[in-house]
C-alpha atoms as a PDB file:
ATOM      1  CA  UNK A   1     185.612  92.527 232.367  1.00  0.00           C
ATOM      2  CA  UNK A   2     185.555  90.905 228.995  1.00  0.00           C
ATOM      3  CA  UNK A   3     187.943  88.231 227.916  1.00  0.00           C
ATOM      4  CA  UNK A   4     190.677  89.512 225.672  1.00  0.00           C
ATOM      5  CA  UNK A   5     191.701  87.748 222.538  1.00  0.00           C
ATOM      6  CA  UNK A   6     195.343  86.843 222.719  1.00  0.00           C
ATOM      7  CA  UNK A   7     197.290  89.556 220.973  1.00  0.00           C
ATOM      8  CA  UNK A   8     200.384  88.189 219.343  1.00  0.00           C
ATOM      9  CA  UNK A   9     203.809  89.706 219.668  1.00  0.00           C
ATOM     10  CA  UNK A  10     203.655  90.428 215.942  1.00  0.00           C
ATOM     11  CA  UNK A  11     200.679  92.739 216.520  1.00  0.00           C
ATOM     12  CA  UNK A  12     202.676  94.769 219.030  1.00  0.00           C
ATOM     13  CA  UNK A  13     205.646  95.064 216.665  1.00  0.00           C
ATOM     14  CA  UNK A  14     203.463  96.044 213.708  1.00  0.00           C
ATOM     15  CA  UNK A  15     201.714  98.667 215.833  1.00  0.00           C
ATOM     16  CA  UNK A  16     205.078  99.964 217.031  1.00  0.00           C
ATOM     17  CA  UNK A  17     206.296 100.160 213.427  1.00  0.00           C
ATOM     18  CA  UNK A  18     203.211 102.099 212.345  1.00  0.00           C
ATOM     19  CA  UNK A  19     203.628 104.492 215.270  1.00  0.00           C
ATOM     20  CA  UNK A  20     207.292 104.990 214.400  1.00  0.00           C
ATOM     21  CA  UNK A  21     206.414 105.593 210.757  1.00  0.00           C
ATOM     22  CA  UNK A  22     203.752 108.150 211.656  1.00  0.00           C
ATOM     23  CA  UNK A  23     206.181 109.915 213.975  1.00  0.00           C
ATOM     24  CA  UNK A  24     208.809 110.112 211.228  1.00  0.00           C
ATOM     25  CA  UNK A  25     206.222 111.448 208.772  1.00  0.00           C
ATOM     26  CA  UNK A  26     205.166 114.074 211.306  1.00  0.00           C
ATOM     27  CA  UNK A  27     208.779 115.123 211.808  1.00  0.00           C
ATOM     28  CA  UNK A  28     209.300 115.310 208.053  1.00  0.00           C
ATOM     29  CA  UNK A  29     206.173 117.412 207.598  1.00  0.00           C
ATOM     30  CA  UNK A  30     207.588 119.933 210.027  1.00  0.00           C
ATOM     31  CA  UNK A  31     210.250 120.753 207.428  1.00  0.00           C
ATOM     32  CA  UNK A  32     207.886 120.665 204.428  1.00  0.00           C
ATOM     33  CA  UNK A  33     206.801 123.924 202.812  1.00  0.00           C
ATOM     34  CA  UNK A  34     203.042 123.875 203.402  1.00  0.00           C
ATOM     35  CA  UNK A  35     200.357 126.204 204.694  1.00  0.00           C
ATOM     36  CA  UNK A  36     200.270 126.383 208.479  1.00  0.00           C
ATOM     37  CA  UNK A  37     196.568 125.496 208.666  1.00  0.00           C
ATOM     38  CA  UNK A  38     197.083 122.380 206.523  1.00  0.00           C
ATOM     39  CA  UNK A  39     200.092 121.414 208.657  1.00  0.00           C
ATOM     40  CA  UNK A  40     198.046 121.679 211.863  1.00  0.00           C
ATOM     41  CA  UNK A  41     195.168 119.628 210.412  1.00  0.00           C
ATOM     42  CA  UNK A  42     197.503 116.873 209.156  1.00  0.00           C
ATOM     43  CA  UNK A  43     199.429 116.722 212.449  1.00  0.00           C
ATOM     44  CA  UNK A  44     196.215 116.572 214.491  1.00  0.00           C
ATOM     45  CA  UNK A  45     194.867 113.784 212.267  1.00  0.00           C
ATOM     46  CA  UNK A  46     198.113 111.818 212.654  1.00  0.00           C
ATOM     47  CA  UNK A  47     198.016 112.314 216.418  1.00  0.00           C
ATOM     48  CA  UNK A  48     194.423 111.046 216.510  1.00  0.00           C
ATOM     49  CA  UNK A  49     195.415 107.936 214.539  1.00  0.00           C
ATOM     50  CA  UNK A  50     198.364 107.345 216.883  1.00  0.00           C
ATOM     51  CA  UNK A  51     196.191 107.767 219.988  1.00  0.00           C
ATOM     52  CA  UNK A  52     193.639 105.319 218.585  1.00  0.00           C
ATOM     53  CA  UNK A  53     196.336 102.732 217.816  1.00  0.00           C
ATOM     54  CA  UNK A  54     197.830 103.082 221.280  1.00  0.00           C
ATOM     55  CA  UNK A  55     194.464 102.801 223.026  1.00  0.00           C
ATOM     56  CA  UNK A  56     193.337  99.869 220.910  1.00  0.00           C
ATOM     57  CA  UNK A  57     196.525  97.841 221.112  1.00  0.00           C
ATOM     58  CA  UNK A  58     198.478  98.704 224.229  1.00  0.00           C
ATOM     59  CA  UNK A  59     195.481  99.563 226.431  1.00  0.00           C
ATOM     60  CA  UNK A  60     193.624  96.485 225.085  1.00  0.00           C
ATOM     61  CA  UNK A  61     190.481  98.431 224.170  1.00  0.00           C
ATOM     62  CA  UNK A  62     189.960  96.488 220.929  1.00  0.00           C
ATOM     63  CA  UNK A  63     188.219  93.675 222.741  1.00  0.00           C
ATOM     64  CA  UNK A  64     186.237  95.740 225.223  1.00  0.00           C
ATOM     65  CA  UNK A  65     182.536  96.485 225.169  1.00  0.00           C
ATOM     66  CA  UNK A  66     181.420  99.583 223.299  1.00  0.00           C
ATOM     67  CA  UNK A  67     180.122 101.162 226.535  1.00  0.00           C
ATOM     68  CA  UNK A  68     183.542 101.128 228.174  1.00  0.00           C
ATOM     69  CA  UNK A  69     185.253 102.501 225.084  1.00  0.00           C
ATOM     70  CA  UNK A  70     182.644 105.277 224.759  1.00  0.00           C
ATOM     71  CA  UNK A  71     183.059 106.165 228.431  1.00  0.00           C
ATOM     72  CA  UNK A  72     186.806 106.622 227.928  1.00  0.00           C
ATOM     73  CA  UNK A  73     186.435 108.530 224.651  1.00  0.00           C
ATOM     74  CA  UNK A  74     183.719 110.848 225.993  1.00  0.00           C
ATOM     75  CA  UNK A  75     185.746 111.485 229.148  1.00  0.00           C
ATOM     76  CA  UNK A  76     188.808 112.412 227.118  1.00  0.00           C
ATOM     77  CA  UNK A  77     186.753 114.689 224.865  1.00  0.00           C
ATOM     78  CA  UNK A  78     185.181 116.479 227.837  1.00  0.00           C
ATOM     79  CA  UNK A  79     188.627 116.934 229.376  1.00  0.00           C
ATOM     80  CA  UNK A  80     189.987 118.274 226.076  1.00  0.00           C
ATOM     81  CA  UNK A  81     187.148 120.771 225.673  1.00  0.00           C
ATOM     82  CA  UNK A  82     187.547 121.904 229.279  1.00  0.00           C
ATOM     83  CA  UNK A  83     191.295 122.429 228.909  1.00  0.00           C
ATOM     84  CA  UNK A  84     190.750 124.246 225.604  1.00  0.00           C
ATOM     85  CA  UNK A  85     188.177 126.550 227.221  1.00  0.00           C
ATOM     86  CA  UNK A  86     190.566 127.311 230.075  1.00  0.00           C
ATOM     87  CA  UNK A  87     193.654 127.873 227.913  1.00  0.00           C
ATOM     88  CA  UNK A  88     192.214 129.934 225.033  1.00  0.00           C
ATOM     89  CA  UNK A  89     191.517 133.114 227.064  1.00  0.00           C
ATOM     90  CA  UNK A  90     195.121 133.142 228.291  1.00  0.00           C
ATOM     91  CA  UNK A  91     196.396 132.599 224.755  1.00  0.00           C
ATOM     92  CA  UNK A  92     194.433 135.595 223.495  1.00  0.00           C
ATOM     93  CA  UNK A  93     195.665 137.682 226.417  1.00  0.00           C
ATOM     94  CA  UNK A  94     199.274 136.773 225.578  1.00  0.00           C
ATOM     95  CA  UNK A  95     198.690 137.612 221.912  1.00  0.00           C
ATOM     96  CA  UNK A  96     197.312 141.013 222.932  1.00  0.00           C
ATOM     97  CA  UNK A  97     200.304 141.650 225.176  1.00  0.00           C
ATOM     98  CA  UNK A  98     202.709 140.753 222.340  1.00  0.00           C
ATOM     99  CA  UNK A  99     200.838 143.004 219.896  1.00  0.00           C
ATOM    100  CA  UNK A 100     200.982 145.936 222.317  1.00  0.00           C
ATOM    101  CA  UNK A 101     204.654 145.325 223.032  1.00  0.00           C
ATOM    102  CA  UNK A 102     205.614 145.417 219.362  1.00  0.00           C
ATOM    103  CA  UNK A 103     204.004 148.840 218.783  1.00  0.00           C
END
């Protein structure tokens, strides 16, 4: 385990403020008139920024070795791809059922 640099209380509050601001922006974008695809891309980007801030600050990954951080990131990506692969077929099946039901 590596030694962590002391993170000040100010860092936690600033991170919390940024997370709150991003959340409010995301909520505001939900009401904005924009294309659905653009909305999804912007929301996913904001969620990625929030996840990175949380992992770096509150999980203390800023001061860790690159190997540990990569292990966590790769594990999360593999889990995400696996869940996506398992959920997408059901989503298409539900879409088909809804299309048949509306005929």
